[in-house]
């Protein structure tokens, strides 16, 4: 089974999968995250893994902390993704605090 997600966010599905691991452009997370569950790309009970969801610990940094420009730039995208996942009743989430953070999402419905 496989799927492809084109730039215009149209999804072509050939079968369903048990696990999807995403390490994509941070700007694309917020757009594509809901599409994966909505389109049914992963089976009920399947797992979606999002990489970099703690973003070098920057998500808990104060606005006065010195951070590299690229870290500060992507913070909003990562925060938006985390909030979107937390609000989605179709998934159960678990944050794994290793490296830059991995959020595991189990599809419930």
PDB file of N, CA and C in Angstrom:
ATOM      1  N   UNK A   1       0.835  -1.180   0.000  1.00  0.00           N
ATOM      2  CA  UNK A   1       0.000   0.000   0.000  1.00  0.00           C
ATOM      3  C   UNK A   1       0.879   1.242   0.000  1.00  0.00           C
ATOM      4  N   UNK A   2       0.407   2.270  -0.660  1.00  0.00           N
ATOM      5  CA  UNK A   2       1.125   3.538  -0.597  1.00  0.00           C
ATOM      6  C   UNK A   2       0.170   4.682  -0.932  1.00  0.00           C
ATOM      7  N   UNK A   3       0.634   5.884  -0.693  1.00  0.00           N
ATOM      8  CA  UNK A   3      -0.127   7.064  -1.061  1.00  0.00           C
ATOM      9  C   UNK A   3       0.848   8.123  -1.501  1.00  0.00           C
ATOM     10  N   UNK A   4       0.321   9.098  -2.211  1.00  0.00           N
ATOM     11  CA  UNK A   4       1.145  10.245  -2.553  1.00  0.00           C
ATOM     12  C   UNK A   4       0.345  11.500  -2.258  1.00  0.00           C
ATOM     13  N   UNK A   5       1.033  12.520  -1.781  1.00  0.00           N
ATOM     14  CA  UNK A   5       0.394  13.783  -1.456  1.00  0.00           C
ATOM     15  C   UNK A   5       1.050  14.837  -2.324  1.00  0.00           C
ATOM     16  N   UNK A   6       0.305  15.346  -3.268  1.00  0.00           N
ATOM     17  CA  UNK A   6       0.846  16.312  -4.205  1.00  0.00           C
ATOM     18  C   UNK A   6       0.889  17.702  -3.583  1.00  0.00           C
ATOM     19  N   UNK A   7       1.583  18.613  -4.219  1.00  0.00           N
ATOM     20  CA  UNK A   7       1.751  19.959  -3.664  1.00  0.00           C
ATOM     21  C   UNK A   7       0.437  20.678  -3.416  1.00  0.00           C
ATOM     22  N   UNK A   8      -0.567  20.423  -4.213  1.00  0.00           N
ATOM     23  CA  UNK A   8      -1.846  21.110  -4.008  1.00  0.00           C
ATOM     24  C   UNK A   8      -2.702  20.384  -2.968  1.00  0.00           C
ATOM     25  N   UNK A   9      -2.084  19.444  -2.243  1.00  0.00           N
ATOM     26  CA  UNK A   9      -2.710  18.699  -1.164  1.00  0.00           C
ATOM     27  C   UNK A   9      -3.792  17.735  -1.613  1.00  0.00           C
ATOM     28  N   UNK A  10      -3.869  17.434  -2.913  1.00  0.00           N
ATOM     29  CA  UNK A  10      -4.718  16.340  -3.360  1.00  0.00           C
ATOM     30  C   UNK A  10      -4.018  15.050  -2.996  1.00  0.00           C
ATOM     31  N   UNK A  11      -4.788  14.084  -2.545  1.00  0.00           N
ATOM     32  CA  UNK A  11      -4.203  12.839  -2.086  1.00  0.00           C
ATOM     33  C   UNK A  11      -4.662  11.701  -2.979  1.00  0.00           C
ATOM     34  N   UNK A  12      -3.708  10.922  -3.422  1.00  0.00           N
ATOM     35  CA  UNK A  12      -3.993   9.718  -4.182  1.00  0.00           C
ATOM     36  C   UNK A  12      -3.691   8.539  -3.271  1.00  0.00           C
ATOM     37  N   UNK A  13      -4.710   7.729  -2.975  1.00  0.00           N
ATOM     38  CA  UNK A  13      -4.551   6.626  -2.040  1.00  0.00           C
ATOM     39  C   UNK A  13      -4.621   5.298  -2.779  1.00  0.00           C
ATOM     40  N   UNK A  14      -3.654   4.466  -2.521  1.00  0.00           N
ATOM     41  CA  UNK A  14      -3.681   3.103  -3.023  1.00  0.00           C
ATOM     42  C   UNK A  14      -3.490   2.225  -1.792  1.00  0.00           C
ATOM     43  N   UNK A  15      -4.584   1.819  -1.160  1.00  0.00           N
ATOM     44  CA  UNK A  15      -4.519   1.041   0.069  1.00  0.00           C
ATOM     45  C   UNK A  15      -4.371   1.932   1.292  1.00  0.00           C
ATOM     46  N   UNK A  16      -4.361   1.304   2.461  1.00  0.00           N
ATOM     47  CA  UNK A  16      -4.184   1.997   3.735  1.00  0.00           C
ATOM     48  C   UNK A  16      -2.932   1.438   4.405  1.00  0.00           C
ATOM     49  N   UNK A  17      -2.332   2.232   5.276  1.00  0.00           N
ATOM     50  CA  UNK A  17      -1.102   1.798   5.941  1.00  0.00           C
ATOM     51  C   UNK A  17      -1.304   1.761   7.452  1.00  0.00           C
ATOM     52  N   UNK A  18      -0.417   1.073   8.150  1.00  0.00           N
ATOM     53  CA  UNK A  18      -0.456   0.993   9.609  1.00  0.00           C
ATOM     54  C   UNK A  18       0.354   2.109  10.253  1.00  0.00           C
ATOM     55  N   UNK A  19       1.433   2.554   9.586  1.00  0.00           N
ATOM     56  CA  UNK A  19       2.315   3.551  10.171  1.00  0.00           C
ATOM     57  C   UNK A  19       2.712   4.582   9.119  1.00  0.00           C
ATOM     58  N   UNK A  20       2.660   5.850   9.514  1.00  0.00           N
ATOM     59  CA  UNK A  20       3.162   6.940   8.675  1.00  0.00           C
ATOM     60  C   UNK A  20       4.125   7.741   9.545  1.00  0.00           C
ATOM     61  N   UNK A  21       5.314   7.989   9.051  1.00  0.00           N
ATOM     62  CA  UNK A  21       6.291   8.819   9.760  1.00  0.00           C
ATOM     63  C   UNK A  21       6.534  10.070   8.927  1.00  0.00           C
ATOM     64  N   UNK A  22       6.364  11.232   9.545  1.00  0.00           N
ATOM     65  CA  UNK A  22       6.514  12.499   8.836  1.00  0.00           C
ATOM     66  C   UNK A  22       7.687  13.308   9.372  1.00  0.00           C
ATOM     67  N   UNK A  23       8.530  13.691   8.474  1.00  0.00           N
ATOM     68  CA  UNK A  23       9.625  14.619   8.763  1.00  0.00           C
ATOM     69  C   UNK A  23       9.704  15.522   7.540  1.00  0.00           C
ATOM     70  N   UNK A  24       8.710  16.392   7.415  1.00  0.00           N
ATOM     71  CA  UNK A  24       8.562  17.219   6.216  1.00  0.00           C
ATOM     72  C   UNK A  24       8.823  18.679   6.558  1.00  0.00           C
ATOM     73  N   UNK A  25       8.730  19.527   5.552  1.00  0.00           N
ATOM     74  CA  UNK A  25       8.877  20.960   5.788  1.00  0.00           C
ATOM     75  C   UNK A  25       7.909  21.401   6.873  1.00  0.00           C
ATOM     76  N   UNK A  26       8.416  22.148   7.824  1.00  0.00           N
ATOM     77  CA  UNK A  26       7.594  22.557   8.968  1.00  0.00           C
ATOM     78  C   UNK A  26       6.348  23.332   8.548  1.00  0.00           C
ATOM     79  N   UNK A  27       6.447  24.120   7.484  1.00  0.00           N
ATOM     80  CA  UNK A  27       5.283  24.874   7.013  1.00  0.00           C
ATOM     81  C   UNK A  27       4.174  23.943   6.557  1.00  0.00           C
ATOM     82  N   UNK A  28       4.515  22.753   6.108  1.00  0.00           N
ATOM     83  CA  UNK A  28       3.538  21.814   5.559  1.00  0.00           C
ATOM     84  C   UNK A  28       2.827  21.003   6.636  1.00  0.00           C
ATOM     85  N   UNK A  29       3.391  20.907   7.832  1.00  0.00           N
ATOM     86  CA  UNK A  29       2.770  20.106   8.892  1.00  0.00           C
ATOM     87  C   UNK A  29       1.330  20.521   9.152  1.00  0.00           C
ATOM     88  N   UNK A  30       1.103  21.796   9.377  1.00  0.00           N
ATOM     89  CA  UNK A  30      -0.229  22.287   9.739  1.00  0.00           C
ATOM     90  C   UNK A  30      -1.248  21.997   8.646  1.00  0.00           C
ATOM     91  N   UNK A  31      -0.826  22.050   7.405  1.00  0.00           N
ATOM     92  CA  UNK A  31      -1.732  21.812   6.280  1.00  0.00           C
ATOM     93  C   UNK A  31      -1.995  20.321   6.101  1.00  0.00           C
ATOM     94  N   UNK A  32      -0.954  19.535   6.171  1.00  0.00           N
ATOM     95  CA  UNK A  32      -1.074  18.121   5.823  1.00  0.00           C
ATOM     96  C   UNK A  32      -1.477  17.222   6.981  1.00  0.00           C
ATOM     97  N   UNK A  33      -1.214  17.630   8.200  1.00  0.00           N
ATOM     98  CA  UNK A  33      -1.539  16.786   9.348  1.00  0.00           C
ATOM     99  C   UNK A  33      -3.018  16.385   9.373  1.00  0.00           C
ATOM    100  N   UNK A  34      -3.947  17.326   9.277  1.00  0.00           N
ATOM    101  CA  UNK A  34      -5.361  16.936   9.299  1.00  0.00           C
ATOM    102  C   UNK A  34      -5.769  16.090   8.087  1.00  0.00           C
ATOM    103  N   UNK A  35      -5.110  16.291   6.960  1.00  0.00           N
ATOM    104  CA  UNK A  35      -5.473  15.543   5.761  1.00  0.00           C
ATOM    105  C   UNK A  35      -5.185  14.055   5.898  1.00  0.00           C
ATOM    106  N   UNK A  36      -4.162  13.716   6.633  1.00  0.00           N
ATOM    107  CA  UNK A  36      -3.770  12.311   6.771  1.00  0.00           C
ATOM    108  C   UNK A  36      -4.874  11.514   7.459  1.00  0.00           C
ATOM    109  N   UNK A  37      -5.436  12.059   8.537  1.00  0.00           N
ATOM    110  CA  UNK A  37      -6.512  11.367   9.241  1.00  0.00           C
ATOM    111  C   UNK A  37      -7.808  11.479   8.446  1.00  0.00           C
ATOM    112  N   UNK A  38      -8.123  12.669   7.963  1.00  0.00           N
ATOM    113  CA  UNK A  38      -9.373  12.887   7.232  1.00  0.00           C
ATOM    114  C   UNK A  38      -9.469  11.991   6.006  1.00  0.00           C
ATOM    115  N   UNK A  39      -8.384  11.832   5.298  1.00  0.00           N
ATOM    116  CA  UNK A  39      -8.384  11.015   4.084  1.00  0.00           C
ATOM    117  C   UNK A  39      -8.321   9.522   4.391  1.00  0.00           C
ATOM    118  N   UNK A  40      -8.096   9.182   5.648  1.00  0.00           N
ATOM    119  CA  UNK A  40      -8.047   7.771   6.010  1.00  0.00           C
ATOM    120  C   UNK A  40      -6.803   7.060   5.515  1.00  0.00           C
ATOM    121  N   UNK A  41      -5.686   7.772   5.440  1.00  0.00           N
ATOM    122  CA  UNK A  41      -4.460   7.156   4.941  1.00  0.00           C
ATOM    123  C   UNK A  41      -3.920   6.084   5.868  1.00  0.00           C
ATOM    124  N   UNK A  42      -4.142   6.275   7.166  1.00  0.00           N
ATOM    125  CA  UNK A  42      -3.687   5.291   8.134  1.00  0.00           C
ATOM    126  C   UNK A  42      -4.919   4.569   8.692  1.00  0.00           C
ATOM    127  N   UNK A  43      -4.798   3.273   8.879  1.00  0.00           N
ATOM    128  CA  UNK A  43      -5.904   2.465   9.370  1.00  0.00           C
ATOM    129  C   UNK A  43      -6.259   2.854  10.808  1.00  0.00           C
ATOM    130  N   UNK A  44      -7.512   2.593  11.199  1.00  0.00           N
ATOM    131  CA  UNK A  44      -7.906   2.766  12.593  1.00  0.00           C
ATOM    132  C   UNK A  44      -6.998   1.871  13.430  1.00  0.00           C
ATOM    133  N   UNK A  45      -6.435   2.441  14.476  1.00  0.00           N
ATOM    134  CA  UNK A  45      -5.467   1.725  15.301  1.00  0.00           C
ATOM    135  C   UNK A  45      -4.041   1.926  14.821  1.00  0.00           C
ATOM    136  N   UNK A  46      -3.888   2.514  13.641  1.00  0.00           N
ATOM    137  CA  UNK A  46      -2.563   2.771  13.083  1.00  0.00           C
ATOM    138  C   UNK A  46      -1.888   3.967  13.739  1.00  0.00           C
ATOM    139  N   UNK A  47      -0.655   4.185  13.377  1.00  0.00           N
ATOM    140  CA  UNK A  47       0.182   5.181  14.036  1.00  0.00           C
ATOM    141  C   UNK A  47       0.709   6.211  13.045  1.00  0.00           C
ATOM    142  N   UNK A  48       0.678   7.475  13.464  1.00  0.00           N
ATOM    143  CA  UNK A  48       1.281   8.567  12.704  1.00  0.00           C
ATOM    144  C   UNK A  48       2.346   9.180  13.617  1.00  0.00           C
ATOM    145  N   UNK A  49       3.558   9.317  13.117  1.00  0.00           N
ATOM    146  CA  UNK A  49       4.646   9.885  13.909  1.00  0.00           C
ATOM    147  C   UNK A  49       5.100  11.191  13.272  1.00  0.00           C
ATOM    148  N   UNK A  50       5.130  12.238  14.073  1.00  0.00           N
ATOM    149  CA  UNK A  50       5.592  13.556  13.632  1.00  0.00           C
ATOM    150  C   UNK A  50       6.921  13.851  14.307  1.00  0.00           C
ATOM    151  N   UNK A  51       7.915  14.204  13.515  1.00  0.00           N
ATOM    152  CA  UNK A  51       9.245  14.500  14.042  1.00  0.00           C
ATOM    153  C   UNK A  51       9.371  15.988  14.370  1.00  0.00           C
ATOM    154  N   UNK A  52      10.288  16.313  15.266  1.00  0.00           N
ATOM    155  CA  UNK A  52      10.653  17.693  15.624  1.00  0.00           C
ATOM    156  C   UNK A  52       9.565  18.463  16.356  1.00  0.00           C
ATOM    157  N   UNK A  53       8.708  17.792  17.106  1.00  0.00           N
ATOM    158  CA  UNK A  53       7.589  18.488  17.743  1.00  0.00           C
ATOM    159  C   UNK A  53       7.958  19.194  19.048  1.00  0.00           C
ATOM    160  N   UNK A  54       9.189  19.062  19.501  1.00  0.00           N
ATOM    161  CA  UNK A  54       9.665  19.874  20.629  1.00  0.00           C
ATOM    162  C   UNK A  54      10.620  20.963  20.151  1.00  0.00           C
ATOM    163  N   UNK A  55      11.047  20.854  18.933  1.00  0.00           N
ATOM    164  CA  UNK A  55      11.829  21.870  18.233  1.00  0.00           C
ATOM    165  C   UNK A  55      12.959  22.454  19.058  1.00  0.00           C
ATOM    166  N   UNK A  56      13.937  21.610  19.368  1.00  0.00           N
ATOM    167  CA  UNK A  56      15.132  22.016  20.119  1.00  0.00           C
ATOM    168  C   UNK A  56      14.814  22.617  21.489  1.00  0.00           C
ATOM    169  N   UNK A  57      13.679  22.280  22.041  1.00  0.00           N
ATOM    170  CA  UNK A  57      13.277  22.840  23.332  1.00  0.00           C
ATOM    171  C   UNK A  57      12.797  24.271  23.238  1.00  0.00           C
ATOM    172  N   UNK A  58      12.769  24.817  22.046  1.00  0.00           N
ATOM    173  CA  UNK A  58      12.424  26.235  21.857  1.00  0.00           C
ATOM    174  C   UNK A  58      10.968  26.544  22.178  1.00  0.00           C
ATOM    175  N   UNK A  59      10.110  25.548  22.180  1.00  0.00           N
ATOM    176  CA  UNK A  59       8.690  25.802  22.417  1.00  0.00           C
ATOM    177  C   UNK A  59       8.419  26.270  23.841  1.00  0.00           C
ATOM    178  N   UNK A  60       9.352  26.024  24.741  1.00  0.00           N
ATOM    179  CA  UNK A  60       9.195  26.492  26.117  1.00  0.00           C
ATOM    180  C   UNK A  60      10.124  27.664  26.423  1.00  0.00           C
ATOM    181  N   UNK A  61      10.811  28.146  25.416  1.00  0.00           N
ATOM    182  CA  UNK A  61      11.718  29.290  25.601  1.00  0.00           C
ATOM    183  C   UNK A  61      10.900  30.577  25.744  1.00  0.00           C
ATOM    184  N   UNK A  62      11.460  31.518  26.477  1.00  0.00           N
ATOM    185  CA  UNK A  62      10.787  32.810  26.596  1.00  0.00           C
ATOM    186  C   UNK A  62      11.098  33.648  25.356  1.00  0.00           C
ATOM    187  N   UNK A  63      10.326  34.674  25.157  1.00  0.00           N
ATOM    188  CA  UNK A  63      10.534  35.534  23.984  1.00  0.00           C
ATOM    189  C   UNK A  63      11.868  36.278  24.058  1.00  0.00           C
ATOM    190  N   UNK A  64      12.463  36.349  25.248  1.00  0.00           N
ATOM    191  CA  UNK A  64      13.756  37.025  25.421  1.00  0.00           C
ATOM    192  C   UNK A  64      14.955  36.106  25.183  1.00  0.00           C
ATOM    193  N   UNK A  65      14.714  34.800  25.140  1.00  0.00           N
ATOM    194  CA  UNK A  65      15.823  33.860  24.940  1.00  0.00           C
ATOM    195  C   UNK A  65      16.417  34.024  23.550  1.00  0.00           C
ATOM    196  N   UNK A  66      17.741  33.945  23.498  1.00  0.00           N
ATOM    197  CA  UNK A  66      18.415  34.020  22.204  1.00  0.00           C
ATOM    198  C   UNK A  66      18.327  32.658  21.521  1.00  0.00           C
ATOM    199  N   UNK A  67      17.754  32.661  20.352  1.00  0.00           N
ATOM    200  CA  UNK A  67      17.608  31.435  19.572  1.00  0.00           C
ATOM    201  C   UNK A  67      18.065  31.708  18.149  1.00  0.00           C
ATOM    202  N   UNK A  68      18.602  30.702  17.480  1.00  0.00           N
ATOM    203  CA  UNK A  68      18.936  30.897  16.066  1.00  0.00           C
ATOM    204  C   UNK A  68      17.690  31.314  15.278  1.00  0.00           C
ATOM    205  N   UNK A  69      17.895  32.090  14.252  1.00  0.00           N
ATOM    206  CA  UNK A  69      16.797  32.648  13.468  1.00  0.00           C
ATOM    207  C   UNK A  69      15.866  31.554  12.917  1.00  0.00           C
ATOM    208  N   UNK A  70      16.441  30.467  12.397  1.00  0.00           N
ATOM    209  CA  UNK A  70      15.593  29.418  11.817  1.00  0.00           C
ATOM    210  C   UNK A  70      14.751  28.714  12.882  1.00  0.00           C
ATOM    211  N   UNK A  71      15.267  28.611  14.101  1.00  0.00           N
ATOM    212  CA  UNK A  71      14.502  28.003  15.198  1.00  0.00           C
ATOM    213  C   UNK A  71      13.288  28.874  15.521  1.00  0.00           C
ATOM    214  N   UNK A  72      13.533  30.166  15.687  1.00  0.00           N
ATOM    215  CA  UNK A  72      12.433  31.084  15.995  1.00  0.00           C
ATOM    216  C   UNK A  72      11.412  31.136  14.848  1.00  0.00           C
ATOM    217  N   UNK A  73      11.893  31.100  13.607  1.00  0.00           N
ATOM    218  CA  UNK A  73      11.008  31.161  12.440  1.00  0.00           C
ATOM    219  C   UNK A  73      10.003  30.002  12.433  1.00  0.00           C
ATOM    220  N   UNK A  74      10.462  28.788  12.691  1.00  0.00           N
ATOM    221  CA  UNK A  74       9.584  27.611  12.597  1.00  0.00           C
ATOM    222  C   UNK A  74       8.781  27.336  13.862  1.00  0.00           C
ATOM    223  N   UNK A  75       9.057  28.041  14.949  1.00  0.00           N
ATOM    224  CA  UNK A  75       8.352  27.790  16.207  1.00  0.00           C
ATOM    225  C   UNK A  75       6.840  27.862  16.054  1.00  0.00           C
ATOM    226  N   UNK A  76       6.359  28.860  15.353  1.00  0.00           N
ATOM    227  CA  UNK A  76       4.907  29.030  15.199  1.00  0.00           C
ATOM    228  C   UNK A  76       4.278  27.841  14.475  1.00  0.00           C
ATOM    229  N   UNK A  77       4.963  27.337  13.456  1.00  0.00           N
ATOM    230  CA  UNK A  77       4.440  26.183  12.716  1.00  0.00           C
ATOM    231  C   UNK A  77       4.350  24.950  13.616  1.00  0.00           C
ATOM    232  N   UNK A  78       5.364  24.734  14.422  1.00  0.00           N
ATOM    233  CA  UNK A  78       5.386  23.574  15.309  1.00  0.00           C
ATOM    234  C   UNK A  78       4.336  23.728  16.405  1.00  0.00           C
ATOM    235  N   UNK A  79       4.202  24.923  16.961  1.00  0.00           N
ATOM    236  CA  UNK A  79       3.158  25.168  17.968  1.00  0.00           C
ATOM    237  C   UNK A  79       1.765  24.932  17.379  1.00  0.00           C
ATOM    238  N   UNK A  80       1.528  25.416  16.172  1.00  0.00           N
ATOM    239  CA  UNK A  80       0.234  25.203  15.511  1.00  0.00           C
ATOM    240  C   UNK A  80      -0.047  23.722  15.304  1.00  0.00           C
ATOM    241  N   UNK A  81       0.961  22.983  14.872  1.00  0.00           N
ATOM    242  CA  UNK A  81       0.793  21.543  14.694  1.00  0.00           C
ATOM    243  C   UNK A  81       0.432  20.887  16.020  1.00  0.00           C
ATOM    244  N   UNK A  82       1.181  21.180  17.071  1.00  0.00           N
ATOM    245  CA  UNK A  82       0.924  20.566  18.371  1.00  0.00           C
ATOM    246  C   UNK A  82      -0.487  20.875  18.863  1.00  0.00           C
ATOM    247  N   UNK A  83      -0.942  22.107  18.672  1.00  0.00           N
ATOM    248  CA  UNK A  83      -2.294  22.478  19.089  1.00  0.00           C
ATOM    249  C   UNK A  83      -3.347  21.748  18.257  1.00  0.00           C
ATOM    250  N   UNK A  84      -3.102  21.629  16.964  1.00  0.00           N
ATOM    251  CA  UNK A  84      -4.025  20.918  16.087  1.00  0.00           C
ATOM    252  C   UNK A  84      -4.151  19.457  16.506  1.00  0.00           C
ATOM    253  N   UNK A  85      -3.023  18.821  16.761  1.00  0.00           N
ATOM    254  CA  UNK A  85      -3.046  17.414  17.174  1.00  0.00           C
ATOM    255  C   UNK A  85      -3.744  17.246  18.523  1.00  0.00           C
ATOM    256  N   UNK A  86      -3.497  18.148  19.464  1.00  0.00           N
ATOM    257  CA  UNK A  86      -4.094  18.055  20.793  1.00  0.00           C
ATOM    258  C   UNK A  86      -5.612  18.182  20.749  1.00  0.00           C
ATOM    259  N   UNK A  87      -6.139  18.922  19.796  1.00  0.00           N
ATOM    260  CA  UNK A  87      -7.585  19.152  19.682  1.00  0.00           C
ATOM    261  C   UNK A  87      -8.306  18.088  18.864  1.00  0.00           C
ATOM    262  N   UNK A  88      -7.571  17.246  18.170  1.00  0.00           N
ATOM    263  CA  UNK A  88      -8.177  16.281  17.242  1.00  0.00           C
ATOM    264  C   UNK A  88      -8.675  15.046  17.993  1.00  0.00           C
ATOM    265  N   UNK A  89      -9.994  14.898  18.101  1.00  0.00           N
ATOM    266  CA  UNK A  89     -10.585  13.785  18.849  1.00  0.00           C
ATOM    267  C   UNK A  89     -10.475  12.454  18.107  1.00  0.00           C
ATOM    268  N   UNK A  90     -10.012  12.470  16.871  1.00  0.00           N
ATOM    269  CA  UNK A  90      -9.881  11.229  16.102  1.00  0.00           C
ATOM    270  C   UNK A  90      -8.588  10.499  16.408  1.00  0.00           C
ATOM    271  N   UNK A  91      -7.703  11.140  17.175  1.00  0.00           N
ATOM    272  CA  UNK A  91      -6.415  10.536  17.487  1.00  0.00           C
ATOM    273  C   UNK A  91      -6.124  10.628  18.978  1.00  0.00           C
ATOM    274  N   UNK A  92      -5.267   9.736  19.439  1.00  0.00           N
ATOM    275  CA  UNK A  92      -4.727   9.775  20.793  1.00  0.00           C
ATOM    276  C   UNK A  92      -3.243  10.072  20.639  1.00  0.00           C
ATOM    277  N   UNK A  93      -2.736  11.065  21.374  1.00  0.00           N
ATOM    278  CA  UNK A  93      -1.340  11.464  21.171  1.00  0.00           C
ATOM    279  C   UNK A  93      -0.467  11.143  22.377  1.00  0.00           C
ATOM    280  N   UNK A  94       0.805  10.950  22.078  1.00  0.00           N
ATOM    281  CA  UNK A  94       1.816  10.740  23.106  1.00  0.00           C
ATOM    282  C   UNK A  94       3.091  11.437  22.650  1.00  0.00           C
ATOM    283  N   UNK A  95       3.634  12.284  23.507  1.00  0.00           N
ATOM    284  CA  UNK A  95       4.864  13.006  23.197  1.00  0.00           C
ATOM    285  C   UNK A  95       6.056  12.200  23.690  1.00  0.00           C
ATOM    286  N   UNK A  96       6.999  11.931  22.812  1.00  0.00           N
ATOM    287  CA  UNK A  96       8.219  11.216  23.173  1.00  0.00           C
ATOM    288  C   UNK A  96       9.354  12.247  23.197  1.00  0.00           C
ATOM    289  N   UNK A  97       9.869  12.563  24.400  1.00  0.00           N
ATOM    290  CA  UNK A  97      10.856  13.642  24.521  1.00  0.00           C
ATOM    291  C   UNK A  97      12.293  13.206  24.240  1.00  0.00           C
ATOM    292  N   UNK A  98      12.528  12.676  23.061  1.00  0.00           N
ATOM    293  CA  UNK A  98      13.886  12.349  22.653  1.00  0.00           C
ATOM    294  C   UNK A  98      14.281  13.265  21.504  1.00  0.00           C
ATOM    295  N   UNK A  99      15.534  13.628  21.458  1.00  0.00           N
ATOM    296  CA  UNK A  99      16.053  14.510  20.416  1.00  0.00           C
ATOM    297  C   UNK A  99      15.198  15.766  20.322  1.00  0.00           C
ATOM    298  N   UNK A 100      14.645  16.060  19.155  1.00  0.00           N
ATOM    299  CA  UNK A 100      13.784  17.240  18.969  1.00  0.00           C
ATOM    300  C   UNK A 100      12.320  16.939  19.251  1.00  0.00           C
ATOM    301  N   UNK A 101      12.040  15.767  19.763  1.00  0.00           N
ATOM    302  CA  UNK A 101      10.674  15.383  20.095  1.00  0.00           C
ATOM    303  C   UNK A 101       9.975  14.675  18.947  1.00  0.00           C
ATOM    304  N   UNK A 102       9.258  13.644  19.315  1.00  0.00           N
ATOM    305  CA  UNK A 102       8.428  12.901  18.363  1.00  0.00           C
ATOM    306  C   UNK A 102       7.050  12.799  18.970  1.00  0.00           C
ATOM    307  N   UNK A 103       6.036  13.140  18.217  1.00  0.00           N
ATOM    308  CA  UNK A 103       4.667  12.956  18.675  1.00  0.00           C
ATOM    309  C   UNK A 103       4.093  11.761  17.941  1.00  0.00           C
ATOM    310  N   UNK A 104       3.624  10.799  18.721  1.00  0.00           N
ATOM    311  CA  UNK A 104       2.988   9.608  18.169  1.00  0.00           C
ATOM    312  C   UNK A 104       1.483   9.779  18.284  1.00  0.00           C
ATOM    313  N   UNK A 105       0.776   9.522  17.207  1.00  0.00           N
ATOM    314  CA  UNK A 105      -0.666   9.664  17.173  1.00  0.00           C
ATOM    315  C   UNK A 105      -1.286   8.335  16.746  1.00  0.00           C
ATOM    316  N   UNK A 106      -2.143   7.791  17.599  1.00  0.00           N
ATOM    317  CA  UNK A 106      -2.843   6.559  17.259  1.00  0.00           C
ATOM    318  C   UNK A 106      -4.231   6.934  16.789  1.00  0.00           C
ATOM    319  N   UNK A 107      -4.586   6.489  15.601  1.00  0.00           N
ATOM    320  CA  UNK A 107      -5.912   6.812  15.053  1.00  0.00           C
ATOM    321  C   UNK A 107      -6.970   6.016  15.790  1.00  0.00           C
ATOM    322  N   UNK A 108      -7.966   6.729  16.339  1.00  0.00           N
ATOM    323  CA  UNK A 108      -9.045   6.101  17.107  1.00  0.00           C
ATOM    324  C   UNK A 108     -10.258   5.807  16.248  1.00  0.00           C
ATOM    325  N   UNK A 109     -10.595   6.735  15.363  1.00  0.00           N
ATOM    326  CA  UNK A 109     -11.788   6.548  14.511  1.00  0.00           C
ATOM    327  C   UNK A 109     -11.470   6.958  13.090  1.00  0.00           C
TER     328      UNK A 109
END
